[in-house]
């Protein structure tokens, strides 16, 4: 895994990328993370780790743009029961649930892709199957004729 990118947060809310030596936006930090990079954000003055705060800010900005992040009843519960219960839930359950979901999604996408690949060759497989049935062709024709005859009798 690549080393963490150290980002310094200044009092004026500006973020400084120490790897590229330039100021960046929250959106640029989000893009780094989407590309698989890990970031560590520290307050430039106090050296306090503010990574969780900045990542939360990124999520809230995205939610603001979409006008929703979590349903209101869940937000009420979060406020009502506060930190300890929530921290335990996030630490022990939510992270693992999301990881499992992503593994399942990747596996399902791969399987679906295989099915699509098989479907592309379906006509070729069908033709091979029909050729394999050639010895039974007379029987199949008689069966088909008998089915048509039965249908015609029902119509009359």
C-alpha atoms as a PDB file:
ATOM      1  CA  UNK A   1       0.000   0.000   0.000  1.00  0.00           C
ATOM      2  CA  UNK A   2       1.253   3.484  -0.832  1.00  0.00           C
ATOM      3  CA  UNK A   3       2.434   5.759   1.949  1.00  0.00           C
ATOM      4  CA  UNK A   4      -0.013   8.245   3.362  1.00  0.00           C
ATOM      5  CA  UNK A   5      -0.064  11.698   1.881  1.00  0.00           C
ATOM      6  CA  UNK A   6       0.524  14.259   4.599  1.00  0.00           C
ATOM      7  CA  UNK A   7      -1.779  17.241   4.331  1.00  0.00           C
ATOM      8  CA  UNK A   8      -1.487  20.252   6.585  1.00  0.00           C
ATOM      9  CA  UNK A   9      -4.610  22.160   7.569  1.00  0.00           C
ATOM     10  CA  UNK A  10      -4.107  25.842   8.259  1.00  0.00           C
ATOM     11  CA  UNK A  11      -6.291  28.102  10.407  1.00  0.00           C
ATOM     12  CA  UNK A  12      -7.764  29.749   7.310  1.00  0.00           C
ATOM     13  CA  UNK A  13      -9.193  26.300   6.353  1.00  0.00           C
ATOM     14  CA  UNK A  14      -6.656  25.895   3.553  1.00  0.00           C
ATOM     15  CA  UNK A  15      -5.197  22.457   2.967  1.00  0.00           C
ATOM     16  CA  UNK A  16      -1.574  22.016   1.901  1.00  0.00           C
ATOM     17  CA  UNK A  17      -0.405  18.867   0.095  1.00  0.00           C
ATOM     18  CA  UNK A  18       3.156  18.256   1.326  1.00  0.00           C
ATOM     19  CA  UNK A  19       3.795  15.687  -1.420  1.00  0.00           C
ATOM     20  CA  UNK A  20       3.176  18.114  -4.302  1.00  0.00           C
ATOM     21  CA  UNK A  21       3.898  21.318  -2.364  1.00  0.00           C
ATOM     22  CA  UNK A  22       0.673  23.122  -3.215  1.00  0.00           C
ATOM     23  CA  UNK A  23      -2.682  24.063  -1.735  1.00  0.00           C
ATOM     24  CA  UNK A  24      -5.606  21.753  -2.508  1.00  0.00           C
ATOM     25  CA  UNK A  25      -9.358  21.654  -2.048  1.00  0.00           C
ATOM     26  CA  UNK A  26     -11.565  19.151  -0.238  1.00  0.00           C
ATOM     27  CA  UNK A  27     -12.617  17.818  -3.646  1.00  0.00           C
ATOM     28  CA  UNK A  28      -8.974  17.152  -4.540  1.00  0.00           C
ATOM     29  CA  UNK A  29      -8.503  15.261  -1.264  1.00  0.00           C
ATOM     30  CA  UNK A  30     -11.611  13.213  -2.092  1.00  0.00           C
ATOM     31  CA  UNK A  31     -10.203  12.460  -5.552  1.00  0.00           C
ATOM     32  CA  UNK A  32      -6.921  11.239  -4.006  1.00  0.00           C
ATOM     33  CA  UNK A  33      -8.893   8.857  -1.803  1.00  0.00           C
ATOM     34  CA  UNK A  34     -11.030   7.646  -4.744  1.00  0.00           C
ATOM     35  CA  UNK A  35      -7.778   6.770  -6.500  1.00  0.00           C
ATOM     36  CA  UNK A  36      -6.841   4.558  -3.551  1.00  0.00           C
ATOM     37  CA  UNK A  37      -4.480   6.875  -1.701  1.00  0.00           C
ATOM     38  CA  UNK A  38      -4.533   7.264   2.066  1.00  0.00           C
ATOM     39  CA  UNK A  39      -4.338  10.740   3.562  1.00  0.00           C
ATOM     40  CA  UNK A  40      -3.345  12.047   6.951  1.00  0.00           C
ATOM     41  CA  UNK A  41      -4.400  15.587   7.786  1.00  0.00           C
ATOM     42  CA  UNK A  42      -2.709  17.429  10.639  1.00  0.00           C
ATOM     43  CA  UNK A  43      -3.329  20.883  12.018  1.00  0.00           C
ATOM     44  CA  UNK A  44      -0.332  22.969  10.927  1.00  0.00           C
ATOM     45  CA  UNK A  45      -0.126  24.824  14.235  1.00  0.00           C
ATOM     46  CA  UNK A  46      -0.921  22.164  16.859  1.00  0.00           C
ATOM     47  CA  UNK A  47       0.113  19.032  14.887  1.00  0.00           C
ATOM     48  CA  UNK A  48      -3.191  17.461  16.000  1.00  0.00           C
ATOM     49  CA  UNK A  49      -4.513  14.722  13.705  1.00  0.00           C
ATOM     50  CA  UNK A  50      -7.680  16.130  12.097  1.00  0.00           C
ATOM     51  CA  UNK A  51      -8.053  13.468   9.402  1.00  0.00           C
ATOM     52  CA  UNK A  52     -11.436  12.213  10.620  1.00  0.00           C
ATOM     53  CA  UNK A  53     -12.769  15.777  10.757  1.00  0.00           C
ATOM     54  CA  UNK A  54     -11.668  16.541   7.176  1.00  0.00           C
ATOM     55  CA  UNK A  55     -13.004  13.226   5.843  1.00  0.00           C
ATOM     56  CA  UNK A  56     -16.318  13.888   7.585  1.00  0.00           C
ATOM     57  CA  UNK A  57     -16.349  17.343   6.024  1.00  0.00           C
ATOM     58  CA  UNK A  58     -15.856  15.769   2.562  1.00  0.00           C
ATOM     59  CA  UNK A  59     -18.779  13.400   3.142  1.00  0.00           C
ATOM     60  CA  UNK A  60     -21.005  16.218   4.407  1.00  0.00           C
ATOM     61  CA  UNK A  61     -20.164  18.384   1.391  1.00  0.00           C
ATOM     62  CA  UNK A  62     -21.121  15.543  -0.933  1.00  0.00           C
ATOM     63  CA  UNK A  63     -24.334  15.030   1.019  1.00  0.00           C
ATOM     64  CA  UNK A  64     -25.113  18.745   0.859  1.00  0.00           C
ATOM     65  CA  UNK A  65     -24.827  18.660  -2.929  1.00  0.00           C
ATOM     66  CA  UNK A  66     -27.244  15.717  -3.089  1.00  0.00           C
ATOM     67  CA  UNK A  67     -29.415  17.147  -0.308  1.00  0.00           C
ATOM     68  CA  UNK A  68     -29.237  13.929   1.734  1.00  0.00           C
ATOM     69  CA  UNK A  69     -26.764  11.690   3.471  1.00  0.00           C
ATOM     70  CA  UNK A  70     -28.661   9.748   6.076  1.00  0.00           C
ATOM     71  CA  UNK A  71     -32.386   9.537   6.727  1.00  0.00           C
ATOM     72  CA  UNK A  72     -33.716  11.967   9.351  1.00  0.00           C
ATOM     73  CA  UNK A  73     -34.852   9.241  11.816  1.00  0.00           C
ATOM     74  CA  UNK A  74     -31.319   7.821  11.862  1.00  0.00           C
ATOM     75  CA  UNK A  75     -29.850  11.282  12.417  1.00  0.00           C
ATOM     76  CA  UNK A  76     -32.232  11.757  15.357  1.00  0.00           C
ATOM     77  CA  UNK A  77     -31.008   8.482  16.885  1.00  0.00           C
ATOM     78  CA  UNK A  78     -27.386   9.502  16.394  1.00  0.00           C
ATOM     79  CA  UNK A  79     -27.980  12.774  18.220  1.00  0.00           C
ATOM     80  CA  UNK A  80     -30.107  11.134  20.916  1.00  0.00           C
ATOM     81  CA  UNK A  81     -27.672   8.355  21.825  1.00  0.00           C
ATOM     82  CA  UNK A  82     -24.510  10.192  20.953  1.00  0.00           C
ATOM     83  CA  UNK A  83     -20.911   9.202  20.815  1.00  0.00           C
ATOM     84  CA  UNK A  84     -20.232   5.997  22.723  1.00  0.00           C
ATOM     85  CA  UNK A  85     -22.869   3.743  21.184  1.00  0.00           C
ATOM     86  CA  UNK A  86     -22.282   5.211  17.771  1.00  0.00           C
ATOM     87  CA  UNK A  87     -18.504   4.981  17.984  1.00  0.00           C
ATOM     88  CA  UNK A  88     -18.772   1.317  18.945  1.00  0.00           C
ATOM     89  CA  UNK A  89     -21.153   0.647  16.051  1.00  0.00           C
ATOM     90  CA  UNK A  90     -18.950   2.393  13.496  1.00  0.00           C
ATOM     91  CA  UNK A  91     -15.744   0.800  14.784  1.00  0.00           C
ATOM     92  CA  UNK A  92     -17.050  -2.737  15.114  1.00  0.00           C
ATOM     93  CA  UNK A  93     -19.818  -3.172  12.581  1.00  0.00           C
ATOM     94  CA  UNK A  94     -20.249  -0.573   9.862  1.00  0.00           C
ATOM     95  CA  UNK A  95     -16.699  -0.733   8.535  1.00  0.00           C
ATOM     96  CA  UNK A  96     -16.774  -4.542   8.248  1.00  0.00           C
ATOM     97  CA  UNK A  97     -20.245  -4.450   6.702  1.00  0.00           C
ATOM     98  CA  UNK A  98     -19.074  -2.023   4.018  1.00  0.00           C
ATOM     99  CA  UNK A  99     -15.982  -4.122   3.311  1.00  0.00           C
ATOM    100  CA  UNK A 100     -18.133  -7.248   2.965  1.00  0.00           C
ATOM    101  CA  UNK A 101     -20.547  -5.408   0.676  1.00  0.00           C
ATOM    102  CA  UNK A 102     -17.698  -4.264  -1.582  1.00  0.00           C
ATOM    103  CA  UNK A 103     -16.301  -7.812  -1.770  1.00  0.00           C
ATOM    104  CA  UNK A 104     -19.769  -9.181  -2.592  1.00  0.00           C
ATOM    105  CA  UNK A 105     -20.351  -6.458  -5.207  1.00  0.00           C
ATOM    106  CA  UNK A 106     -17.021  -7.179  -6.896  1.00  0.00           C
ATOM    107  CA  UNK A 107     -17.763 -10.925  -6.970  1.00  0.00           C
ATOM    108  CA  UNK A 108     -21.281 -10.368  -8.328  1.00  0.00           C
ATOM    109  CA  UNK A 109     -19.970  -7.980 -11.013  1.00  0.00           C
ATOM    110  CA  UNK A 110     -17.351 -10.527 -12.083  1.00  0.00           C
ATOM    111  CA  UNK A 111     -19.950 -13.321 -12.248  1.00  0.00           C
ATOM    112  CA  UNK A 112     -22.394 -11.148 -14.203  1.00  0.00           C
ATOM    113  CA  UNK A 113     -19.614 -10.294 -16.650  1.00  0.00           C
ATOM    114  CA  UNK A 114     -18.917 -14.015 -17.153  1.00  0.00           C
ATOM    115  CA  UNK A 115     -22.613 -14.620 -17.825  1.00  0.00           C
ATOM    116  CA  UNK A 116     -22.645 -11.822 -20.382  1.00  0.00           C
ATOM    117  CA  UNK A 117     -19.582 -13.313 -22.085  1.00  0.00           C
ATOM    118  CA  UNK A 118     -21.327 -16.690 -22.211  1.00  0.00           C
ATOM    119  CA  UNK A 119     -24.464 -15.069 -23.610  1.00  0.00           C
ATOM    120  CA  UNK A 120     -22.507 -13.529 -26.462  1.00  0.00           C
ATOM    121  CA  UNK A 121     -21.610 -17.042 -27.608  1.00  0.00           C
ATOM    122  CA  UNK A 122     -25.105 -18.439 -27.033  1.00  0.00           C
ATOM    123  CA  UNK A 123     -25.983 -18.691 -30.723  1.00  0.00           C
ATOM    124  CA  UNK A 124     -22.824 -20.667 -31.393  1.00  0.00           C
ATOM    125  CA  UNK A 125     -23.563 -22.978 -28.477  1.00  0.00           C
ATOM    126  CA  UNK A 126     -27.169 -23.397 -29.681  1.00  0.00           C
ATOM    127  CA  UNK A 127     -25.997 -24.376 -33.163  1.00  0.00           C
ATOM    128  CA  UNK A 128     -23.632 -26.978 -31.675  1.00  0.00           C
ATOM    129  CA  UNK A 129     -26.506 -28.299 -29.573  1.00  0.00           C
ATOM    130  CA  UNK A 130     -28.784 -28.603 -32.588  1.00  0.00           C
ATOM    131  CA  UNK A 131     -26.089 -30.457 -34.555  1.00  0.00           C
ATOM    132  CA  UNK A 132     -25.694 -32.821 -31.609  1.00  0.00           C
ATOM    133  CA  UNK A 133     -29.430 -33.611 -31.816  1.00  0.00           C
ATOM    134  CA  UNK A 134     -29.254 -34.599 -35.516  1.00  0.00           C
ATOM    135  CA  UNK A 135     -29.613 -38.350 -34.825  1.00  0.00           C
ATOM    136  CA  UNK A 136     -32.885 -37.558 -33.050  1.00  0.00           C
ATOM    137  CA  UNK A 137     -34.190 -35.302 -35.823  1.00  0.00           C
ATOM    138  CA  UNK A 138     -36.799 -37.781 -37.169  1.00  0.00           C
ATOM    139  CA  UNK A 139     -38.182 -38.299 -33.660  1.00  0.00           C
ATOM    140  CA  UNK A 140     -38.285 -34.536 -33.006  1.00  0.00           C
ATOM    141  CA  UNK A 141     -40.105 -33.932 -36.320  1.00  0.00           C
ATOM    142  CA  UNK A 142     -42.701 -36.610 -35.474  1.00  0.00           C
ATOM    143  CA  UNK A 143     -43.139 -35.133 -32.003  1.00  0.00           C
ATOM    144  CA  UNK A 144     -43.583 -31.650 -33.495  1.00  0.00           C
ATOM    145  CA  UNK A 145     -46.126 -32.930 -36.006  1.00  0.00           C
ATOM    146  CA  UNK A 146     -48.044 -34.725 -33.251  1.00  0.00           C
ATOM    147  CA  UNK A 147     -48.145 -31.537 -31.166  1.00  0.00           C
ATOM    148  CA  UNK A 148     -49.470 -29.543 -34.150  1.00  0.00           C
ATOM    149  CA  UNK A 149     -52.102 -32.195 -34.830  1.00  0.00           C
ATOM    150  CA  UNK A 150     -53.260 -32.072 -31.207  1.00  0.00           C
ATOM    151  CA  UNK A 151     -53.478 -28.265 -31.319  1.00  0.00           C
ATOM    152  CA  UNK A 152     -55.502 -28.363 -34.552  1.00  0.00           C
ATOM    153  CA  UNK A 153     -57.965 -30.887 -33.073  1.00  0.00           C
ATOM    154  CA  UNK A 154     -58.496 -28.623 -30.038  1.00  0.00           C
ATOM    155  CA  UNK A 155     -59.239 -25.643 -32.295  1.00  0.00           C
ATOM    156  CA  UNK A 156     -61.924 -27.543 -34.240  1.00  0.00           C
END
